[in-house]
Amino acid sequence: MDRKKLLLLVGALAIAIVTAIMARSMFAGASAPKAEAAPAVPQGPKVLVAQRVLPTGTIITADAIGFQPWPKELVKDAYYIDGASDVSKLLGTVVRFPITAGEPVTQGSLVKPGDRGFLAAALGPGMRAVTVPVSAKTGVGGFIFPGDRVDLMLTQTVKGGESDLKASETILRNIRVLATDQSTTQETVNGATVVKQFRTVTLEVTPKIAEKVAVAQTIGTLSLSLRSIADSQSELERAIAQGDVKIPDGATPQEEEKLLAAAMNRPTDGATTYQTGGDVSRFQRRTLPPAAPAAAVSAPVASGPGAPPRAYAPPPAPRSTVTVTRGKAATTVSISRGGQVLESQAGAMQNGGQVVSGTYGMMP
């Protein structure tokens, strides 16, 4: 073989070997996973933090708070420390100031039942508290607890001339229960919630809804209907789809979550639904009964101070009167419009044999 060709062959082989080594290094470097630094775990005690956004007036439940490691140098005396605080005693307390998700819960941010201003702290901004009477039948058998959400139904009987109309109407929706009787907490025995009957329920409503509740209590019987926990989320999604809930541009995640929570917890009083007796039984009415016949009109005519009213008598029909004289005797004859003689009355006249007067009008 020629020396020149041999050198070219050796050079090509060397270039191929270098290229193979470089390609291997390239692919090996791309496929090797990069080591990522693990997030630093705070070294310190566990403090009580909010698991979600807790607006003012939120009633604390077991899923609303939890312990989380916290840097030791950032722990304050007002924090609840794991091992030194009993979380079960905080259940049923009310948030006094808004708490964001992940923020430590301080002792001053919660109001305990029995403290002054507890119920006022449980109310959201612009809300009112009203109390309605209930029984075992109208209060879901005692299975309603503070923090639940209910619908309010009004059952009434509309009076009619021949028969009455029985109707039930859902007048309010998504109402938060603040207290049952004078209790704002759930009583538990051996980890189980105690169900007991109560006579009153205190609800959180708007000022306008509070007026409606006051009027509704005078119309008929109020009943509570317990709502599912999932109802609020589904109604919120429907409100967002319909454009009823608008989130401003540039809102932070915390502001967005706050707006959605307020929309989900808002009570509603529009688009009521109802059922009548005819919808339940074929022997009941489905529409409003006809109005009762009007009573006879009476006009009180008093003859003196303190005299009782007398029945009003309709005026007599108009008629004609003719006075006829024969000698010194005069006779007044009443004639109807049909020409019939109704009555006559004799009297003395001075001008004999002449018709003295003829009149058309009302007899006294």
Protein backbone atom coordinates (compact mmCIF):
# COMPACT_ATOMS: atom_id res chain seq x y z
CA MET A 1 0.00 0.00 0.00
CA ASP A 2 1.18 3.49 -0.76
CA ARG A 3 2.55 5.42 2.21
CA LYS A 4 0.37 8.40 1.36
CA LYS A 5 -2.80 6.34 1.41
CA LEU A 6 -1.78 4.78 4.70
CA LEU A 7 -1.42 8.19 6.32
CA LEU A 8 -4.83 9.25 5.05
CA LEU A 9 -6.39 6.08 6.44
CA VAL A 10 -4.79 6.58 9.85
CA GLY A 11 -5.92 10.23 9.92
CA ALA A 12 -9.51 9.31 9.05
CA LEU A 13 -9.53 6.65 11.75
CA ALA A 14 -8.27 9.11 14.32
CA ILE A 15 -10.94 11.68 13.38
CA ALA A 16 -13.66 9.00 13.66
CA ILE A 17 -12.47 7.99 17.12
CA VAL A 18 -12.44 11.62 18.36
CA THR A 19 -15.90 12.25 16.91
CA ALA A 20 -17.31 9.14 18.60
CA ILE A 21 -15.86 10.17 21.96
CA MET A 22 -17.28 13.68 21.66
CA ALA A 23 -20.75 12.38 20.70
CA ARG A 24 -20.75 9.95 23.61
CA SER A 25 -19.83 12.70 26.04
CA MET A 26 -22.54 14.98 24.65
CA PHE A 27 -25.36 12.42 24.93
CA ALA A 28 -24.20 11.26 28.34
CA GLY A 29 -24.21 14.80 29.67
CA ALA A 30 -27.71 15.55 28.33
CA SER A 31 -29.26 12.42 29.81
CA ALA A 32 -27.73 12.77 33.26
CA PRO A 33 -30.25 14.26 35.73
CA LYS A 34 -29.34 17.49 37.34
CA ALA A 35 -29.26 17.53 41.09
CA GLU A 36 -31.76 19.99 42.55
CA ALA A 37 -31.47 21.46 45.96
CA ALA A 38 -34.17 20.23 48.32
CA PRO A 39 -36.25 22.98 49.91
CA ALA A 40 -34.98 23.88 53.28
CA VAL A 41 -37.16 22.59 56.10
CA PRO A 42 -37.62 25.20 58.82
CA GLN A 43 -35.81 24.17 61.95
CA GLY A 44 -38.02 25.06 64.88
CA PRO A 45 -41.23 24.26 66.73
CA LYS A 46 -44.55 23.61 65.02
CA VAL A 47 -46.99 26.52 65.19
CA LEU A 48 -50.71 26.64 64.40
CA VAL A 49 -51.43 28.06 60.92
CA ALA A 50 -54.53 28.52 58.75
CA GLN A 51 -55.04 25.77 56.18
CA ARG A 52 -57.09 28.10 53.97
CA VAL A 53 -58.20 31.72 53.85
CA LEU A 54 -60.21 32.51 56.99
CA PRO A 55 -62.30 35.69 56.56
CA THR A 56 -63.62 37.62 59.52
CA GLY A 57 -66.46 35.74 61.20
CA THR A 58 -65.31 32.25 60.18
CA ILE A 59 -66.14 29.60 62.76
CA ILE A 60 -63.04 27.47 63.36
CA THR A 61 -63.39 23.78 62.49
CA ALA A 62 -60.88 20.92 62.60
CA ASP A 63 -60.01 21.22 58.89
CA ALA A 64 -59.44 24.99 59.06
CA ILE A 65 -56.22 24.93 61.10
CA GLY A 66 -53.16 22.71 61.54
CA PHE A 67 -49.59 22.68 62.88
CA GLN A 68 -46.62 23.43 60.64
CA PRO A 69 -42.85 23.76 61.31
CA TRP A 70 -41.78 27.36 61.75
CA PRO A 71 -38.35 29.02 61.98
CA LYS A 72 -37.36 29.26 65.62
CA GLU A 73 -36.20 32.86 65.34
CA LEU A 74 -39.63 33.93 63.95
CA VAL A 75 -41.79 32.32 66.65
CA LYS A 76 -43.74 34.84 68.73
CA ASP A 77 -45.37 34.53 72.13
CA ALA A 78 -48.87 34.96 70.63
CA TYR A 79 -48.52 31.80 68.48
CA TYR A 80 -50.10 28.48 69.40
CA ILE A 81 -47.24 25.95 69.81
CA ASP A 82 -47.67 22.22 69.25
CA GLY A 83 -47.55 20.42 72.57
CA ALA A 84 -48.33 23.53 74.57
CA SER A 85 -51.80 24.28 73.12
CA ASP A 86 -54.98 22.19 73.01
CA VAL A 87 -56.45 22.61 69.53
CA SER A 88 -59.76 21.02 70.56
CA LYS A 89 -60.47 24.06 72.75
CA LEU A 90 -60.18 26.32 69.72
CA LEU A 91 -62.93 24.55 67.76
CA GLY A 92 -66.02 26.76 67.64
CA THR A 93 -64.09 29.98 68.11
CA VAL A 94 -64.56 32.81 65.64
CA VAL A 95 -61.97 34.64 63.56
CA ARG A 96 -61.78 38.28 64.59
CA PHE A 97 -59.32 39.43 61.90
CA PRO A 98 -58.80 37.99 58.38
CA ILE A 99 -56.13 35.26 58.21
CA THR A 100 -54.49 34.21 54.94
CA ALA A 101 -53.62 30.60 54.11
CA GLY A 102 -50.37 29.54 55.81
CA GLU A 103 -50.38 32.48 58.22
CA PRO A 104 -49.89 31.68 61.94
CA VAL A 105 -53.02 31.93 64.07
CA THR A 106 -52.51 34.26 67.02
CA GLN A 107 -54.33 34.27 70.32
CA GLY A 108 -55.75 37.72 69.63
CA SER A 109 -57.23 36.72 66.26
CA LEU A 110 -59.82 34.35 67.75
CA VAL A 111 -62.86 35.05 69.93
CA LYS A 112 -64.10 32.28 72.20
CA PRO A 113 -67.78 31.53 72.92
CA GLY A 114 -68.93 33.42 75.96
CA ASP A 115 -66.55 36.30 75.38
CA ARG A 116 -68.02 39.75 75.01
CA GLY A 117 -68.81 40.52 71.38
CA PHE A 118 -68.52 36.89 70.29
CA LEU A 119 -71.66 36.89 68.13
CA ALA A 120 -70.83 40.31 66.67
CA ALA A 121 -67.40 38.97 65.70
CA ALA A 122 -69.04 35.95 64.07
CA LEU A 123 -70.95 38.24 61.70
CA GLY A 124 -69.40 39.16 58.38
CA PRO A 125 -69.12 42.81 57.33
CA GLY A 126 -72.56 44.29 56.62
CA MET A 127 -74.41 41.22 57.92
CA ARG A 128 -77.09 40.89 60.62
CA ALA A 129 -78.19 38.13 63.01
CA VAL A 130 -81.85 37.07 63.27
CA THR A 131 -83.43 34.27 65.27
CA VAL A 132 -86.31 32.07 64.10
CA PRO A 133 -88.25 29.49 66.14
CA VAL A 134 -88.01 25.86 65.06
CA SER A 135 -89.09 22.45 66.26
CA ALA A 136 -87.88 18.89 65.69
CA LYS A 137 -90.02 18.80 62.55
CA THR A 138 -88.98 22.18 61.11
CA GLY A 139 -85.35 22.02 62.31
CA VAL A 140 -84.20 18.81 60.56
CA GLY A 141 -84.56 16.79 63.75
CA GLY A 142 -81.64 18.54 65.47
CA PHE A 143 -79.08 17.66 62.76
CA ILE A 144 -78.17 21.32 62.19
CA PHE A 145 -75.05 22.72 63.81
CA PRO A 146 -73.36 26.14 63.92
CA GLY A 147 -71.49 26.73 60.68
CA ASP A 148 -73.92 24.73 58.53
CA ARG A 149 -75.79 26.37 55.66
CA VAL A 150 -79.52 26.06 55.19
CA ASP A 151 -82.40 27.15 52.98
CA LEU A 152 -85.47 28.77 54.53
CA MET A 153 -88.95 27.61 53.50
CA LEU A 154 -92.27 29.35 54.22
CA THR A 155 -95.44 27.26 54.46
CA GLN A 156 -98.75 29.14 54.45
CA THR A 157 -102.47 28.77 53.82
CA VAL A 158 -104.15 31.31 51.55
CA LYS A 159 -107.78 31.80 52.53
CA GLY A 160 -110.45 31.71 49.83
CA GLY A 161 -114.20 31.81 49.39
CA GLU A 162 -114.86 28.09 48.85
CA SER A 163 -111.52 26.39 49.69
CA ASP A 164 -108.03 27.37 50.82
CA LEU A 165 -104.72 27.15 48.95
CA LYS A 166 -101.83 25.44 50.75
CA ALA A 167 -98.37 26.38 49.51
CA SER A 168 -94.71 26.03 50.49
CA GLU A 169 -92.04 28.36 49.09
CA THR A 170 -88.24 28.45 49.40
CA ILE A 171 -87.73 32.13 50.12
CA LEU A 172 -84.03 32.20 51.12
CA ARG A 173 -80.96 30.15 50.18
CA ASN A 174 -77.42 29.60 51.46
CA ILE A 175 -77.99 31.02 54.95
CA ARG A 176 -75.25 30.40 57.52
CA VAL A 177 -76.24 29.11 60.96
CA LEU A 178 -74.59 31.08 63.76
CA ALA A 179 -76.07 29.34 66.79
CA THR A 180 -78.68 26.85 67.94
CA ASP A 181 -80.46 28.10 71.06
CA GLN A 182 -77.60 29.80 72.96
CA SER A 183 -74.88 27.40 71.76
CA THR A 184 -72.33 28.30 69.09
CA THR A 185 -70.34 25.07 69.31
CA GLN A 186 -70.87 21.37 68.72
CA GLU A 187 -70.91 19.14 71.77
CA THR A 188 -68.87 15.95 71.39
CA VAL A 189 -68.70 12.87 73.62
CA ASN A 190 -65.92 10.32 73.00
CA GLY A 191 -65.28 11.89 69.61
CA ALA A 192 -68.91 11.65 68.48
CA THR A 193 -71.07 14.73 67.86
CA VAL A 194 -74.10 14.93 70.13
CA VAL A 195 -77.39 15.55 68.28
CA LYS A 196 -79.98 17.38 70.35
CA GLN A 197 -83.17 19.28 69.71
CA PHE A 198 -83.34 23.05 69.92
CA ARG A 199 -86.09 25.64 69.86
CA THR A 200 -84.40 28.56 68.09
CA VAL A 201 -81.80 29.04 65.36
CA THR A 202 -79.79 32.22 64.83
CA LEU A 203 -78.99 32.97 61.18
CA GLU A 204 -76.59 35.35 59.42
CA VAL A 205 -78.40 37.46 56.82
CA THR A 206 -78.24 40.81 55.06
CA PRO A 207 -80.34 43.74 56.36
CA LYS A 208 -82.85 43.27 53.51
CA ILE A 209 -83.18 39.55 54.19
CA ALA A 210 -83.61 40.26 57.92
CA GLU A 211 -86.72 42.30 57.09
CA LYS A 212 -88.07 39.46 54.94
CA VAL A 213 -87.55 36.96 57.74
CA ALA A 214 -89.45 39.19 60.19
CA VAL A 215 -92.42 39.44 57.80
CA ALA A 216 -92.32 35.74 56.92
CA GLN A 217 -92.75 34.78 60.59
CA THR A 218 -96.12 36.59 60.62
CA ILE A 219 -97.35 34.91 57.42
CA GLY A 220 -96.87 31.21 58.12
CA THR A 221 -94.49 28.54 59.41
CA LEU A 222 -90.75 28.67 58.72
CA SER A 223 -88.79 25.45 58.12
CA LEU A 224 -85.07 24.81 57.61
CA SER A 225 -83.62 22.71 54.80
CA LEU A 226 -80.01 21.58 55.31
CA ARG A 227 -77.72 22.22 52.34
CA SER A 228 -74.95 19.94 51.08
CA ILE A 229 -71.36 21.11 51.47
CA ALA A 230 -70.85 20.70 47.71
CA ASP A 231 -73.77 22.99 46.83
CA SER A 232 -71.86 26.20 47.51
CA GLN A 233 -68.97 25.18 45.24
CA SER A 234 -71.28 24.15 42.39
CA GLU A 235 -73.28 27.38 42.65
CA LEU A 236 -70.04 29.37 42.67
CA GLU A 237 -68.90 27.67 39.47
CA ARG A 238 -72.26 28.41 37.86
CA ALA A 239 -72.08 32.06 38.95
CA ILE A 240 -68.58 32.38 37.48
CA ALA A 241 -69.75 30.81 34.20
CA GLN A 242 -72.68 33.23 34.02
CA GLY A 243 -70.47 36.24 34.74
CA ASP A 244 -72.09 37.08 38.07
CA VAL A 245 -68.71 36.93 39.81
CA LYS A 246 -66.08 39.22 38.30
CA ILE A 247 -62.44 39.22 39.34
CA PRO A 248 -60.55 42.43 38.50
CA ASP A 249 -57.48 42.27 36.31
CA GLY A 250 -54.23 42.16 38.18
CA ALA A 251 -55.75 40.67 41.35
CA THR A 252 -53.36 38.67 43.50
CA PRO A 253 -54.12 35.02 44.30
CA GLN A 254 -55.03 36.04 47.85
CA GLU A 255 -57.46 38.70 46.62
CA GLU A 256 -58.94 36.29 44.09
CA GLU A 257 -59.46 33.63 46.75
CA LYS A 258 -61.07 36.19 49.05
CA LEU A 259 -63.52 37.31 46.36
CA LEU A 260 -64.48 33.74 45.54
CA ALA A 261 -65.00 32.89 49.20
CA ALA A 262 -67.25 35.93 49.66
CA ALA A 263 -69.30 35.00 46.59
CA MET A 264 -69.64 31.39 47.73
CA ASN A 265 -70.86 32.42 51.21
CA ARG A 266 -73.32 35.08 50.04
CA PRO A 267 -76.98 34.38 50.95
CA THR A 268 -79.56 34.79 48.16
CA ASP A 269 -83.22 35.77 48.20
CA GLY A 270 -84.15 35.79 44.51
CA ALA A 271 -85.70 33.29 42.10
CA THR A 272 -87.83 31.55 44.71
CA THR A 273 -89.42 28.18 44.01
CA TYR A 274 -92.73 26.91 45.38
CA GLN A 275 -95.13 23.98 45.46
CA THR A 276 -98.89 24.06 46.07
CA GLY A 277 -101.32 21.52 47.43
CA GLY A 278 -102.34 20.63 43.89
CA ASP A 279 -98.75 19.60 43.13
CA VAL A 280 -98.91 17.07 45.97
CA SER A 281 -102.51 15.82 45.90
CA ARG A 282 -105.19 15.86 43.22
CA PHE A 283 -107.72 16.82 45.87
CA GLN A 284 -106.01 20.13 46.65
CA ARG A 285 -106.02 23.46 44.86
CA ARG A 286 -103.23 24.46 42.49
CA THR A 287 -104.18 28.13 41.96
CA LEU A 288 -105.30 31.00 44.14
CA PRO A 289 -108.91 30.67 45.40
CA PRO A 290 -111.50 33.19 44.18
CA ALA A 291 -112.04 36.24 46.31
CA ALA A 292 -114.86 36.11 48.86
CA PRO A 293 -118.02 38.13 47.98
CA ALA A 294 -117.92 41.70 49.19
CA ALA A 295 -119.92 42.48 52.31
CA ALA A 296 -122.85 44.90 52.24
CA VAL A 297 -121.75 48.52 52.39
CA SER A 298 -122.73 50.29 55.56
CA ALA A 299 -122.47 53.97 56.30
CA PRO A 300 -122.38 54.87 59.96
CA VAL A 301 -124.90 57.61 60.70
CA ALA A 302 -124.71 58.76 64.28
CA SER A 303 -127.64 60.60 65.80
CA GLY A 304 -125.60 61.78 68.72
CA PRO A 305 -122.28 61.42 70.47
CA GLY A 306 -121.44 57.77 71.06
CA ALA A 307 -124.38 56.48 69.03
CA PRO A 308 -123.85 53.10 67.30
CA PRO A 309 -123.69 53.03 63.49
CA ARG A 310 -126.84 52.24 61.59
CA ALA A 311 -127.18 50.26 58.39
CA TYR A 312 -127.09 52.33 55.28
CA ALA A 313 -130.35 52.21 53.29
CA PRO A 314 -130.24 52.86 49.53
CA PRO A 315 -132.25 55.93 48.36
CA PRO A 316 -135.72 55.31 46.87
CA ALA A 317 -136.19 55.37 43.13
CA PRO A 318 -137.31 58.74 41.66
CA ARG A 319 -141.08 59.11 41.06
CA SER A 320 -143.73 61.74 40.09
CA THR A 321 -146.25 63.32 42.40
CA VAL A 322 -149.48 65.10 41.43
CA THR A 323 -151.72 67.07 43.84
CA VAL A 324 -155.44 67.19 42.94
CA THR A 325 -158.03 69.37 44.76
CA ARG A 326 -161.77 68.80 44.85
CA GLY A 327 -163.47 71.60 46.70
CA LYS A 328 -161.52 72.06 49.89
CA ALA A 329 -160.08 68.53 49.84
CA ALA A 330 -156.65 67.97 48.29
CA THR A 331 -155.12 64.62 47.37
CA THR A 332 -151.46 63.97 46.54
CA VAL A 333 -150.94 61.00 44.24
CA SER A 334 -147.53 59.31 43.63
CA ILE A 335 -147.11 57.87 40.13
CA SER A 336 -144.24 55.61 39.02
CA ARG A 337 -142.41 56.03 35.74
CA GLY A 338 -144.53 53.27 34.33
CA GLY A 339 -147.72 55.26 35.01
CA GLN A 340 -148.92 53.24 38.00
CA VAL A 341 -150.40 54.92 41.08
CA LEU A 342 -148.18 54.11 44.04
CA GLU A 343 -149.83 55.92 46.94
CA SER A 344 -152.09 58.88 47.68
CA GLN A 345 -152.38 61.33 50.53
CA ALA A 346 -155.38 63.62 51.24
CA GLY A 347 -155.10 67.21 52.41
CA ALA A 348 -157.10 70.47 52.60
CA MET A 349 -156.68 73.15 49.95
CA GLN A 350 -158.28 76.58 49.72
CA ASN A 351 -158.77 76.80 45.98
CA GLY A 352 -161.40 74.22 45.18
CA GLY A 353 -161.50 72.10 42.03
CA GLN A 354 -158.06 73.06 40.72
CA VAL A 355 -154.76 71.30 40.39
CA VAL A 356 -152.52 73.19 42.72
CA SER A 357 -149.10 71.68 41.94
CA GLY A 358 -147.38 68.88 40.13
CA THR A 359 -143.81 67.82 40.99
CA TYR A 360 -141.24 65.21 39.74
CA GLY A 361 -138.52 64.14 42.08
CA MET A 362 -137.72 62.22 45.25
CA MET A 363 -140.29 61.62 47.97
CA PRO A 364 -139.09 62.50 51.42
